[in-house]
């Protein structure tokens, strides 16, 4: 039940959706937390971040196109966000805004949990924000044999060069111990081909 003590969490994205709002509010209810979650967009990222601070909004999820542009207005950038110069979570501790990248944190933890061999060969399929988190996590975990494959050759080459890896423009005749899909394929739960070389 909403009351004066209910804490607000929010998201900032270019195209707010219902899934995150419904998911977070469902979990708050199940866990008995006195929180509410609401999705927003903005044309003024500086004042939106100032609003998070001024209104005591407890937490803010950050999506494109604000993951980088919000950074100058935050008080502390965690190593996870520094690693890829991208923020997806802001935590407000009594007016002090700390920024994290939970994608990067999750990948590092998975590498450690499953004790992946640093000598394994890796192909990362994709070149967006999540792909950047994956590539940075593998780089900082000591993996050297990593290749980037993306349909967007420009962003694929940029991502590969940024971390000192190779870009490949085809999966033909390629082998890898680990293949990581960080494309939208499968997100909509439609019956797309799982072949990474085919367009959905």
N, C-alpha and C. Protein backbone atom coordinates (compact mmCIF):
# COMPACT_ATOMS: atom_id res chain seq x y z
N UNK A 1 0.83 -1.19 0.00
CA UNK A 1 0.00 0.00 0.00
C UNK A 1 0.87 1.25 0.00
N UNK A 2 0.57 2.16 -0.89
CA UNK A 2 1.35 3.39 -0.99
C UNK A 2 1.10 4.28 0.23
N UNK A 3 2.18 4.87 0.74
CA UNK A 3 2.08 5.81 1.84
C UNK A 3 3.24 6.79 1.77
N UNK A 4 3.37 7.64 2.78
CA UNK A 4 4.40 8.68 2.74
C UNK A 4 5.81 8.12 2.77
N UNK A 5 5.96 6.88 3.23
CA UNK A 5 7.28 6.26 3.33
C UNK A 5 7.66 5.44 2.11
N UNK A 6 6.76 5.32 1.13
CA UNK A 6 7.05 4.55 -0.07
C UNK A 6 8.21 5.19 -0.82
N UNK A 7 9.19 4.38 -1.19
CA UNK A 7 10.36 4.88 -1.91
C UNK A 7 10.19 4.66 -3.41
N UNK A 8 10.57 5.65 -4.17
CA UNK A 8 10.44 5.60 -5.62
C UNK A 8 11.75 5.17 -6.26
N UNK A 9 11.66 4.19 -7.14
CA UNK A 9 12.74 3.86 -8.07
C UNK A 9 12.22 4.10 -9.47
N UNK A 10 13.12 4.33 -10.40
CA UNK A 10 12.69 4.73 -11.73
C UNK A 10 13.68 4.25 -12.78
N UNK A 11 13.28 4.43 -14.02
CA UNK A 11 14.20 4.19 -15.14
C UNK A 11 14.18 5.40 -16.05
N UNK A 12 15.30 5.60 -16.73
CA UNK A 12 15.42 6.63 -17.76
C UNK A 12 15.84 5.97 -19.05
N UNK A 13 15.04 6.12 -20.08
CA UNK A 13 15.38 5.53 -21.38
C UNK A 13 14.77 6.36 -22.48
N UNK A 14 15.28 6.14 -23.68
CA UNK A 14 14.75 6.85 -24.83
C UNK A 14 13.35 6.39 -25.19
N UNK A 15 13.07 5.12 -24.92
CA UNK A 15 11.77 4.55 -25.25
C UNK A 15 11.28 3.71 -24.06
N UNK A 16 10.66 4.34 -23.08
CA UNK A 16 10.20 3.60 -21.90
C UNK A 16 9.20 2.51 -22.27
N UNK A 17 9.32 1.37 -21.60
CA UNK A 17 8.42 0.26 -21.84
C UNK A 17 7.74 -0.19 -20.56
N UNK A 18 6.87 -1.17 -20.70
CA UNK A 18 6.10 -1.66 -19.55
C UNK A 18 6.77 -2.82 -18.83
N UNK A 19 7.65 -3.57 -19.51
CA UNK A 19 8.16 -4.80 -18.92
C UNK A 19 8.92 -4.54 -17.62
N UNK A 20 9.87 -3.60 -17.65
CA UNK A 20 10.66 -3.32 -16.46
C UNK A 20 9.80 -2.82 -15.32
N UNK A 21 8.83 -1.97 -15.64
CA UNK A 21 7.94 -1.44 -14.61
C UNK A 21 7.14 -2.56 -13.95
N UNK A 22 6.56 -3.43 -14.77
CA UNK A 22 5.77 -4.53 -14.24
C UNK A 22 6.63 -5.51 -13.46
N UNK A 23 7.81 -5.79 -13.96
CA UNK A 23 8.72 -6.74 -13.30
C UNK A 23 9.15 -6.24 -11.93
N UNK A 24 9.61 -5.01 -11.86
CA UNK A 24 10.08 -4.47 -10.59
C UNK A 24 8.95 -4.37 -9.57
N UNK A 25 7.80 -3.87 -9.99
CA UNK A 25 6.69 -3.73 -9.05
C UNK A 25 6.17 -5.08 -8.57
N UNK A 26 6.22 -6.08 -9.44
CA UNK A 26 5.84 -7.44 -9.03
C UNK A 26 6.78 -7.95 -7.95
N UNK A 27 8.09 -7.74 -8.15
CA UNK A 27 9.06 -8.20 -7.15
C UNK A 27 8.94 -7.43 -5.84
N UNK A 28 8.72 -6.13 -5.92
CA UNK A 28 8.54 -5.36 -4.69
C UNK A 28 7.38 -5.93 -3.87
N UNK A 29 6.28 -6.26 -4.56
CA UNK A 29 5.12 -6.80 -3.88
C UNK A 29 5.42 -8.16 -3.26
N UNK A 30 6.07 -9.02 -4.03
CA UNK A 30 6.38 -10.36 -3.55
C UNK A 30 7.34 -10.34 -2.37
N UNK A 31 8.27 -9.38 -2.39
CA UNK A 31 9.28 -9.30 -1.33
C UNK A 31 8.83 -8.44 -0.16
N UNK A 32 7.65 -7.87 -0.28
CA UNK A 32 7.14 -7.04 0.81
C UNK A 32 7.90 -5.73 0.99
N UNK A 33 8.40 -5.18 -0.10
CA UNK A 33 9.17 -3.94 -0.05
C UNK A 33 8.26 -2.74 -0.33
N UNK A 34 8.43 -1.69 0.43
CA UNK A 34 7.62 -0.49 0.27
C UNK A 34 8.25 0.43 -0.78
N UNK A 35 8.26 -0.07 -2.02
CA UNK A 35 8.84 0.65 -3.15
C UNK A 35 7.82 0.68 -4.28
N UNK A 36 8.01 1.63 -5.17
CA UNK A 36 7.26 1.67 -6.41
C UNK A 36 8.22 2.05 -7.52
N UNK A 37 7.98 1.53 -8.72
CA UNK A 37 8.89 1.73 -9.86
C UNK A 37 8.11 2.35 -11.00
N UNK A 38 8.72 3.35 -11.64
CA UNK A 38 8.07 4.05 -12.76
C UNK A 38 9.10 4.35 -13.83
N UNK A 39 8.70 4.19 -15.08
CA UNK A 39 9.58 4.45 -16.23
C UNK A 39 9.38 5.88 -16.73
N UNK A 40 10.50 6.54 -17.07
CA UNK A 40 10.47 7.90 -17.58
C UNK A 40 11.40 8.03 -18.79
N UNK A 41 11.17 9.09 -19.56
CA UNK A 41 12.15 9.55 -20.53
C UNK A 41 12.36 11.03 -20.30
N UNK A 42 13.33 11.61 -21.00
CA UNK A 42 13.63 13.03 -20.79
C UNK A 42 14.32 13.61 -22.02
N UNK A 43 14.19 14.91 -22.16
CA UNK A 43 14.96 15.65 -23.16
C UNK A 43 16.07 16.47 -22.50
N UNK A 44 16.22 16.29 -21.18
CA UNK A 44 17.21 17.07 -20.42
C UNK A 44 17.82 16.17 -19.37
N UNK A 45 18.87 15.44 -19.75
CA UNK A 45 19.44 14.43 -18.85
C UNK A 45 20.05 15.08 -17.61
N UNK A 46 20.64 16.26 -17.74
CA UNK A 46 21.25 16.91 -16.58
C UNK A 46 20.21 17.17 -15.49
N UNK A 47 19.09 17.76 -15.86
CA UNK A 47 18.08 18.07 -14.86
C UNK A 47 17.31 16.83 -14.40
N UNK A 48 17.25 15.82 -15.24
CA UNK A 48 16.64 14.56 -14.81
C UNK A 48 17.47 13.93 -13.69
N UNK A 49 18.80 13.94 -13.83
CA UNK A 49 19.67 13.40 -12.78
C UNK A 49 19.59 14.27 -11.53
N UNK A 50 19.53 15.58 -11.71
CA UNK A 50 19.37 16.46 -10.56
C UNK A 50 18.06 16.18 -9.84
N UNK A 51 17.03 15.80 -10.60
CA UNK A 51 15.75 15.45 -10.00
C UNK A 51 15.84 14.20 -9.15
N UNK A 52 16.63 13.22 -9.60
CA UNK A 52 16.84 12.01 -8.82
C UNK A 52 17.42 12.37 -7.45
N UNK A 53 18.40 13.27 -7.46
CA UNK A 53 19.04 13.69 -6.22
C UNK A 53 18.06 14.51 -5.35
N UNK A 54 17.44 15.52 -5.96
CA UNK A 54 16.63 16.47 -5.21
C UNK A 54 15.38 15.84 -4.61
N UNK A 55 14.80 14.88 -5.32
CA UNK A 55 13.56 14.27 -4.86
C UNK A 55 13.77 13.01 -4.02
N UNK A 56 15.03 12.65 -3.82
CA UNK A 56 15.31 11.48 -3.00
C UNK A 56 14.90 10.17 -3.64
N UNK A 57 14.88 10.13 -4.97
CA UNK A 57 14.56 8.89 -5.67
C UNK A 57 15.66 7.88 -5.37
N UNK A 58 15.28 6.71 -4.87
CA UNK A 58 16.26 5.78 -4.30
C UNK A 58 17.18 5.16 -5.33
N UNK A 59 16.65 4.85 -6.49
CA UNK A 59 17.47 4.22 -7.52
C UNK A 59 16.94 4.51 -8.90
N UNK A 60 17.83 4.46 -9.88
CA UNK A 60 17.45 4.77 -11.25
C UNK A 60 18.18 3.84 -12.21
N UNK A 61 17.41 3.09 -12.99
CA UNK A 61 17.99 2.30 -14.07
C UNK A 61 18.16 3.21 -15.28
N UNK A 62 19.27 3.05 -15.97
CA UNK A 62 19.59 3.93 -17.10
C UNK A 62 19.76 3.09 -18.36
N UNK A 63 19.02 3.46 -19.40
CA UNK A 63 19.13 2.78 -20.69
C UNK A 63 19.55 3.78 -21.76
N UNK A 64 19.73 3.27 -22.98
CA UNK A 64 20.10 4.15 -24.09
C UNK A 64 19.00 5.18 -24.30
N UNK A 65 19.36 6.42 -24.64
CA UNK A 65 20.70 6.88 -25.02
C UNK A 65 21.42 7.64 -23.89
N UNK A 66 21.13 7.32 -22.65
CA UNK A 66 21.62 8.13 -21.52
C UNK A 66 22.76 7.48 -20.74
N UNK A 67 23.21 6.30 -21.15
CA UNK A 67 24.19 5.56 -20.36
C UNK A 67 25.53 6.28 -20.22
N UNK A 68 25.89 7.06 -21.20
CA UNK A 68 27.14 7.81 -21.15
C UNK A 68 26.91 9.28 -20.81
N UNK A 69 25.83 9.84 -21.35
CA UNK A 69 25.60 11.28 -21.16
C UNK A 69 25.25 11.64 -19.73
N UNK A 70 24.81 10.67 -18.92
CA UNK A 70 24.48 10.97 -17.53
C UNK A 70 25.72 11.06 -16.64
N UNK A 71 26.84 10.54 -17.09
CA UNK A 71 28.00 10.37 -16.21
C UNK A 71 28.56 11.66 -15.63
N UNK A 72 28.61 12.76 -16.38
CA UNK A 72 29.19 13.99 -15.79
C UNK A 72 28.40 14.53 -14.61
N UNK A 73 27.17 14.08 -14.41
CA UNK A 73 26.31 14.66 -13.39
C UNK A 73 26.21 13.78 -12.14
N UNK A 74 27.04 12.75 -12.08
CA UNK A 74 27.02 11.82 -10.96
C UNK A 74 28.21 12.08 -10.03
N UNK A 75 28.10 11.62 -8.80
CA UNK A 75 29.12 11.92 -7.80
C UNK A 75 30.25 10.89 -7.78
N UNK A 76 29.93 9.65 -8.06
CA UNK A 76 30.94 8.59 -8.00
C UNK A 76 30.66 7.55 -9.07
N UNK A 77 31.67 7.23 -9.86
CA UNK A 77 31.55 6.22 -10.91
C UNK A 77 32.31 4.98 -10.44
N UNK A 78 31.61 3.87 -10.28
CA UNK A 78 32.25 2.64 -9.79
C UNK A 78 33.19 2.08 -10.84
N UNK A 79 34.12 1.20 -10.42
CA UNK A 79 35.01 0.55 -11.40
C UNK A 79 34.25 -0.18 -12.50
N UNK A 80 33.09 -0.73 -12.17
CA UNK A 80 32.31 -1.46 -13.18
C UNK A 80 31.86 -0.53 -14.30
N UNK A 81 31.46 0.68 -13.97
CA UNK A 81 31.03 1.65 -14.98
C UNK A 81 32.23 2.30 -15.66
N UNK A 82 33.32 2.51 -14.91
CA UNK A 82 34.53 3.06 -15.50
C UNK A 82 35.10 2.13 -16.56
N UNK A 83 34.95 0.82 -16.34
CA UNK A 83 35.54 -0.16 -17.24
C UNK A 83 35.02 -0.04 -18.66
N UNK A 84 33.76 0.38 -18.80
CA UNK A 84 33.20 0.49 -20.16
C UNK A 84 32.64 1.88 -20.43
N UNK A 85 32.91 2.82 -19.50
CA UNK A 85 32.45 4.20 -19.64
C UNK A 85 30.96 4.24 -19.95
N UNK A 86 30.20 3.49 -19.16
CA UNK A 86 28.77 3.37 -19.38
C UNK A 86 28.08 3.00 -18.08
N UNK A 87 26.97 3.67 -17.80
CA UNK A 87 26.23 3.47 -16.56
C UNK A 87 24.87 2.86 -16.87
N UNK A 88 24.44 1.88 -16.06
CA UNK A 88 23.06 1.42 -16.20
C UNK A 88 22.30 1.44 -14.88
N UNK A 89 22.97 1.82 -13.79
CA UNK A 89 22.31 1.87 -12.49
C UNK A 89 22.86 3.04 -11.67
N UNK A 90 21.94 3.84 -11.12
CA UNK A 90 22.31 4.92 -10.21
C UNK A 90 21.66 4.64 -8.86
N UNK A 91 22.45 4.70 -7.82
CA UNK A 91 21.94 4.52 -6.45
C UNK A 91 22.09 5.84 -5.71
N UNK A 92 21.01 6.29 -5.12
CA UNK A 92 20.99 7.55 -4.39
C UNK A 92 21.09 7.28 -2.90
N UNK A 93 22.25 7.59 -2.31
CA UNK A 93 22.45 7.45 -0.87
C UNK A 93 22.41 8.84 -0.22
N UNK A 94 21.22 9.24 0.18
CA UNK A 94 21.04 10.53 0.85
C UNK A 94 21.63 11.69 0.05
N UNK A 95 21.36 11.69 -1.25
CA UNK A 95 21.79 12.78 -2.11
C UNK A 95 23.13 12.57 -2.79
N UNK A 96 23.82 11.48 -2.46
CA UNK A 96 25.10 11.15 -3.11
C UNK A 96 24.82 10.07 -4.15
N UNK A 97 25.09 10.37 -5.41
CA UNK A 97 24.73 9.49 -6.52
C UNK A 97 25.92 8.63 -6.95
N UNK A 98 25.78 7.33 -6.73
CA UNK A 98 26.80 6.36 -7.16
C UNK A 98 26.30 5.63 -8.40
N UNK A 99 27.22 5.41 -9.35
CA UNK A 99 26.85 4.79 -10.62
C UNK A 99 27.55 3.46 -10.80
N UNK A 100 26.82 2.51 -11.36
CA UNK A 100 27.35 1.17 -11.58
C UNK A 100 26.98 0.70 -12.99
N UNK A 101 27.68 -0.35 -13.44
CA UNK A 101 27.23 -1.07 -14.62
C UNK A 101 27.05 -2.53 -14.22
N UNK A 102 25.82 -2.91 -13.99
CA UNK A 102 25.54 -4.25 -13.48
C UNK A 102 25.73 -5.32 -14.56
N UNK A 103 25.68 -4.94 -15.84
CA UNK A 103 25.97 -5.90 -16.91
C UNK A 103 27.40 -6.40 -16.78
N UNK A 104 28.32 -5.46 -16.64
CA UNK A 104 29.73 -5.80 -16.50
C UNK A 104 29.95 -6.65 -15.25
N UNK A 105 29.36 -6.24 -14.13
CA UNK A 105 29.51 -7.00 -12.89
C UNK A 105 29.03 -8.43 -13.06
N UNK A 106 27.88 -8.61 -13.72
CA UNK A 106 27.30 -9.94 -13.90
C UNK A 106 28.20 -10.83 -14.74
N UNK A 107 28.77 -10.29 -15.82
CA UNK A 107 29.63 -11.10 -16.68
C UNK A 107 30.90 -11.52 -15.95
N UNK A 108 31.51 -10.61 -15.20
CA UNK A 108 32.71 -10.96 -14.43
C UNK A 108 32.39 -12.08 -13.43
N UNK A 109 31.23 -11.98 -12.78
CA UNK A 109 30.84 -13.01 -11.82
C UNK A 109 30.59 -14.35 -12.50
N UNK A 110 30.01 -14.33 -13.70
CA UNK A 110 29.77 -15.58 -14.42
C UNK A 110 31.08 -16.23 -14.86
N UNK A 111 32.02 -15.41 -15.32
CA UNK A 111 33.33 -15.95 -15.70
C UNK A 111 33.98 -16.65 -14.51
N UNK A 112 33.87 -16.02 -13.35
CA UNK A 112 34.45 -16.60 -12.14
C UNK A 112 33.67 -17.82 -11.67
N UNK A 113 32.34 -17.74 -11.68
CA UNK A 113 31.50 -18.83 -11.18
C UNK A 113 31.74 -20.12 -11.96
N UNK A 114 31.81 -20.00 -13.29
CA UNK A 114 31.98 -21.19 -14.13
C UNK A 114 33.44 -21.49 -14.45
N UNK A 115 34.35 -20.73 -13.82
CA UNK A 115 35.79 -20.97 -13.92
C UNK A 115 36.22 -21.15 -15.39
N UNK A 116 35.83 -20.18 -16.20
CA UNK A 116 36.19 -20.24 -17.61
C UNK A 116 37.69 -20.13 -17.78
N UNK A 117 38.22 -20.92 -18.70
CA UNK A 117 39.65 -20.97 -18.96
C UNK A 117 40.07 -19.76 -19.78
N UNK A 118 41.03 -19.00 -19.29
CA UNK A 118 41.49 -17.79 -19.99
C UNK A 118 42.12 -18.10 -21.34
N UNK A 119 42.47 -19.37 -21.55
CA UNK A 119 43.05 -19.77 -22.83
C UNK A 119 41.98 -20.15 -23.85
N UNK A 120 40.73 -20.21 -23.43
CA UNK A 120 39.65 -20.54 -24.36
C UNK A 120 39.50 -19.44 -25.41
N UNK A 121 39.09 -19.86 -26.61
CA UNK A 121 38.78 -18.89 -27.66
C UNK A 121 37.33 -18.47 -27.52
N UNK A 122 37.06 -17.18 -27.79
CA UNK A 122 35.74 -16.61 -27.57
C UNK A 122 35.32 -15.81 -28.81
N UNK A 123 34.07 -15.98 -29.22
CA UNK A 123 33.47 -15.11 -30.23
C UNK A 123 32.28 -14.42 -29.60
N UNK A 124 32.27 -13.09 -29.67
CA UNK A 124 31.16 -12.30 -29.18
C UNK A 124 30.35 -11.82 -30.37
N UNK A 125 29.07 -12.17 -30.42
CA UNK A 125 28.20 -11.80 -31.53
C UNK A 125 27.37 -10.59 -31.12
N UNK A 126 27.73 -9.43 -31.64
CA UNK A 126 27.04 -8.19 -31.32
C UNK A 126 28.03 -7.08 -31.09
N UNK A 127 27.55 -5.84 -31.12
CA UNK A 127 28.45 -4.70 -30.94
C UNK A 127 27.78 -3.54 -30.22
N UNK A 128 26.68 -3.83 -29.52
CA UNK A 128 25.97 -2.78 -28.79
C UNK A 128 26.50 -2.62 -27.37
N UNK A 129 25.68 -2.00 -26.53
CA UNK A 129 26.09 -1.71 -25.16
C UNK A 129 26.38 -2.95 -24.34
N UNK A 130 25.54 -3.97 -24.46
CA UNK A 130 25.77 -5.20 -23.71
C UNK A 130 27.00 -5.92 -24.23
N UNK A 131 27.22 -5.88 -25.54
CA UNK A 131 28.43 -6.49 -26.10
C UNK A 131 29.68 -5.82 -25.55
N UNK A 132 29.63 -4.51 -25.39
CA UNK A 132 30.77 -3.79 -24.83
C UNK A 132 31.06 -4.25 -23.41
N UNK A 133 30.01 -4.46 -22.62
CA UNK A 133 30.19 -4.95 -21.26
C UNK A 133 30.82 -6.34 -21.26
N UNK A 134 30.36 -7.20 -22.16
CA UNK A 134 30.89 -8.56 -22.25
C UNK A 134 32.37 -8.54 -22.64
N UNK A 135 32.69 -7.77 -23.68
CA UNK A 135 34.07 -7.73 -24.18
C UNK A 135 35.00 -7.15 -23.11
N UNK A 136 34.57 -6.09 -22.44
CA UNK A 136 35.40 -5.49 -21.39
C UNK A 136 35.63 -6.47 -20.25
N UNK A 137 34.59 -7.22 -19.89
CA UNK A 137 34.71 -8.19 -18.79
C UNK A 137 35.70 -9.29 -19.15
N UNK A 138 35.64 -9.79 -20.37
CA UNK A 138 36.58 -10.83 -20.78
C UNK A 138 38.00 -10.27 -20.88
N UNK A 139 38.13 -9.04 -21.37
CA UNK A 139 39.45 -8.43 -21.47
C UNK A 139 40.07 -8.26 -20.08
N UNK A 140 39.31 -7.73 -19.15
CA UNK A 140 39.83 -7.48 -17.82
C UNK A 140 39.97 -8.76 -16.99
N UNK A 141 39.41 -9.85 -17.49
CA UNK A 141 39.57 -11.15 -16.83
C UNK A 141 40.74 -11.94 -17.42
N UNK A 142 41.44 -11.33 -18.40
CA UNK A 142 42.66 -11.94 -18.91
C UNK A 142 42.53 -12.77 -20.17
N UNK A 143 41.37 -12.70 -20.84
CA UNK A 143 41.18 -13.47 -22.07
C UNK A 143 41.80 -12.70 -23.24
N UNK A 144 42.64 -13.39 -24.02
CA UNK A 144 43.32 -12.76 -25.14
C UNK A 144 42.76 -13.17 -26.50
N UNK A 145 42.22 -14.38 -26.59
CA UNK A 145 41.74 -14.90 -27.87
C UNK A 145 40.25 -14.65 -28.01
N UNK A 146 39.90 -13.39 -28.28
CA UNK A 146 38.51 -12.99 -28.41
C UNK A 146 38.32 -12.31 -29.77
N UNK A 147 37.24 -12.69 -30.44
CA UNK A 147 36.90 -12.08 -31.73
C UNK A 147 35.49 -11.51 -31.66
N UNK A 148 35.27 -10.44 -32.42
CA UNK A 148 33.97 -9.77 -32.45
C UNK A 148 33.34 -9.99 -33.82
N UNK A 149 32.10 -10.46 -33.82
CA UNK A 149 31.34 -10.59 -35.06
C UNK A 149 30.07 -9.76 -34.93
N UNK A 150 29.82 -8.89 -35.91
CA UNK A 150 28.60 -8.08 -35.89
C UNK A 150 28.20 -7.75 -37.31
N UNK A 151 26.89 -7.64 -37.51
CA UNK A 151 26.41 -7.26 -38.84
C UNK A 151 26.76 -5.81 -39.16
N UNK A 152 26.87 -4.98 -38.12
CA UNK A 152 27.29 -3.59 -38.30
C UNK A 152 28.82 -3.55 -38.26
N UNK A 153 29.42 -3.52 -39.42
CA UNK A 153 30.88 -3.60 -39.51
C UNK A 153 31.57 -2.44 -38.82
N UNK A 154 30.98 -1.26 -38.89
CA UNK A 154 31.60 -0.07 -38.29
C UNK A 154 31.69 -0.21 -36.77
N UNK A 155 30.57 -0.53 -36.13
CA UNK A 155 30.59 -0.65 -34.67
C UNK A 155 31.34 -1.90 -34.22
N UNK A 156 31.30 -2.94 -35.03
CA UNK A 156 32.05 -4.15 -34.70
C UNK A 156 33.55 -3.91 -34.71
N UNK A 157 34.01 -3.23 -35.74
CA UNK A 157 35.44 -2.90 -35.82
C UNK A 157 35.86 -1.97 -34.68
N UNK A 158 35.00 -1.01 -34.36
CA UNK A 158 35.32 -0.07 -33.29
C UNK A 158 35.45 -0.80 -31.95
N UNK A 159 34.50 -1.69 -31.67
CA UNK A 159 34.53 -2.42 -30.40
C UNK A 159 35.76 -3.30 -30.31
N UNK A 160 36.08 -3.99 -31.40
CA UNK A 160 37.26 -4.86 -31.40
C UNK A 160 38.54 -4.06 -31.18
N UNK A 161 38.68 -2.94 -31.89
CA UNK A 161 39.88 -2.12 -31.77
C UNK A 161 40.00 -1.51 -30.37
N UNK A 162 38.86 -1.17 -29.77
CA UNK A 162 38.86 -0.53 -28.45
C UNK A 162 39.53 -1.41 -27.40
N UNK A 163 39.37 -2.73 -27.55
CA UNK A 163 39.92 -3.65 -26.55
C UNK A 163 41.06 -4.52 -27.10
N UNK A 164 41.53 -4.19 -28.29
CA UNK A 164 42.68 -4.89 -28.83
C UNK A 164 42.38 -6.29 -29.35
N UNK A 165 41.15 -6.50 -29.79
CA UNK A 165 40.75 -7.79 -30.34
C UNK A 165 40.55 -7.69 -31.85
N UNK A 166 40.24 -8.82 -32.48
CA UNK A 166 40.02 -8.86 -33.93
C UNK A 166 38.52 -8.84 -34.25
N UNK A 167 38.21 -8.16 -35.34
CA UNK A 167 36.85 -8.18 -35.87
C UNK A 167 36.78 -9.18 -37.02
N UNK A 168 35.72 -9.97 -37.08
CA UNK A 168 35.51 -10.88 -38.21
C UNK A 168 34.18 -10.55 -38.84
N UNK A 169 34.11 -10.61 -40.18
CA UNK A 169 32.88 -10.24 -40.87
C UNK A 169 32.04 -11.45 -41.27
N UNK A 170 32.45 -12.63 -40.81
CA UNK A 170 31.69 -13.84 -41.11
C UNK A 170 32.01 -14.91 -40.06
N UNK A 171 31.04 -15.76 -39.81
CA UNK A 171 31.27 -16.89 -38.91
C UNK A 171 31.68 -18.15 -39.66
N UNK A 172 31.71 -18.05 -40.98
CA UNK A 172 32.12 -19.20 -41.79
C UNK A 172 33.54 -19.60 -41.43
N UNK A 173 33.75 -20.89 -41.25
CA UNK A 173 35.07 -21.46 -40.95
C UNK A 173 35.66 -20.94 -39.63
N UNK A 174 34.79 -20.47 -38.74
CA UNK A 174 35.24 -20.00 -37.44
C UNK A 174 34.88 -21.03 -36.37
N UNK A 175 35.79 -21.25 -35.46
CA UNK A 175 35.53 -22.13 -34.33
C UNK A 175 35.87 -21.38 -33.04
N UNK A 176 35.14 -21.69 -32.00
CA UNK A 176 35.41 -21.06 -30.71
C UNK A 176 34.95 -21.97 -29.58
N UNK A 177 35.64 -21.88 -28.47
CA UNK A 177 35.22 -22.64 -27.29
C UNK A 177 33.97 -22.03 -26.67
N UNK A 178 33.85 -20.70 -26.79
CA UNK A 178 32.73 -19.98 -26.19
C UNK A 178 32.14 -19.03 -27.22
N UNK A 179 30.83 -19.15 -27.45
CA UNK A 179 30.11 -18.23 -28.34
C UNK A 179 29.06 -17.49 -27.51
N UNK A 180 29.12 -16.15 -27.55
CA UNK A 180 28.21 -15.34 -26.73
C UNK A 180 27.35 -14.49 -27.65
N UNK A 181 26.04 -14.67 -27.56
CA UNK A 181 25.10 -13.89 -28.36
C UNK A 181 24.60 -12.70 -27.55
N UNK A 182 24.95 -11.51 -27.98
CA UNK A 182 24.44 -10.30 -27.34
C UNK A 182 23.74 -9.43 -28.39
N UNK A 183 22.90 -10.08 -29.17
CA UNK A 183 22.06 -9.41 -30.16
C UNK A 183 20.61 -9.49 -29.67
N UNK A 184 19.70 -8.79 -30.33
CA UNK A 184 18.29 -8.87 -29.93
C UNK A 184 17.62 -10.20 -30.25
N UNK A 185 18.31 -11.09 -30.98
CA UNK A 185 17.70 -12.37 -31.36
C UNK A 185 17.28 -13.13 -30.10
N UNK A 186 16.02 -13.50 -30.06
CA UNK A 186 15.50 -14.27 -28.94
C UNK A 186 14.83 -13.44 -27.86
N UNK A 187 15.08 -12.13 -27.85
CA UNK A 187 14.51 -11.31 -26.79
C UNK A 187 12.98 -11.25 -26.85
N UNK A 188 12.44 -11.27 -28.06
CA UNK A 188 10.98 -11.14 -28.21
C UNK A 188 10.26 -12.48 -28.09
N UNK A 189 11.02 -13.55 -27.83
CA UNK A 189 10.46 -14.89 -27.66
C UNK A 189 9.73 -15.36 -28.91
N UNK A 190 10.21 -14.89 -30.07
CA UNK A 190 9.63 -15.34 -31.33
C UNK A 190 10.46 -16.49 -31.88
N UNK A 191 9.90 -17.20 -32.83
CA UNK A 191 10.56 -18.38 -33.37
C UNK A 191 11.57 -18.00 -34.44
N UNK A 192 12.59 -17.24 -34.04
CA UNK A 192 13.67 -16.91 -34.94
C UNK A 192 14.65 -18.07 -35.00
N UNK A 193 15.42 -18.10 -36.08
CA UNK A 193 16.50 -19.06 -36.17
C UNK A 193 17.54 -18.75 -35.11
N UNK A 194 18.08 -19.77 -34.49
CA UNK A 194 19.14 -19.54 -33.51
C UNK A 194 20.50 -19.45 -34.18
N UNK A 195 20.54 -19.60 -35.50
CA UNK A 195 21.80 -19.47 -36.20
C UNK A 195 22.27 -18.03 -36.15
N UNK A 196 23.45 -17.74 -35.60
CA UNK A 196 23.91 -16.35 -35.47
C UNK A 196 24.24 -15.71 -36.80
N UNK A 197 24.33 -16.50 -37.86
CA UNK A 197 24.69 -15.94 -39.16
C UNK A 197 23.46 -15.53 -39.96
N UNK A 198 22.26 -15.82 -39.44
CA UNK A 198 21.04 -15.50 -40.16
C UNK A 198 20.32 -14.34 -39.51
N UNK A 199 19.72 -13.51 -40.35
CA UNK A 199 18.94 -12.39 -39.83
C UNK A 199 17.60 -12.91 -39.32
N UNK A 200 17.07 -12.32 -38.24
CA UNK A 200 15.76 -12.74 -37.74
C UNK A 200 14.66 -12.32 -38.70
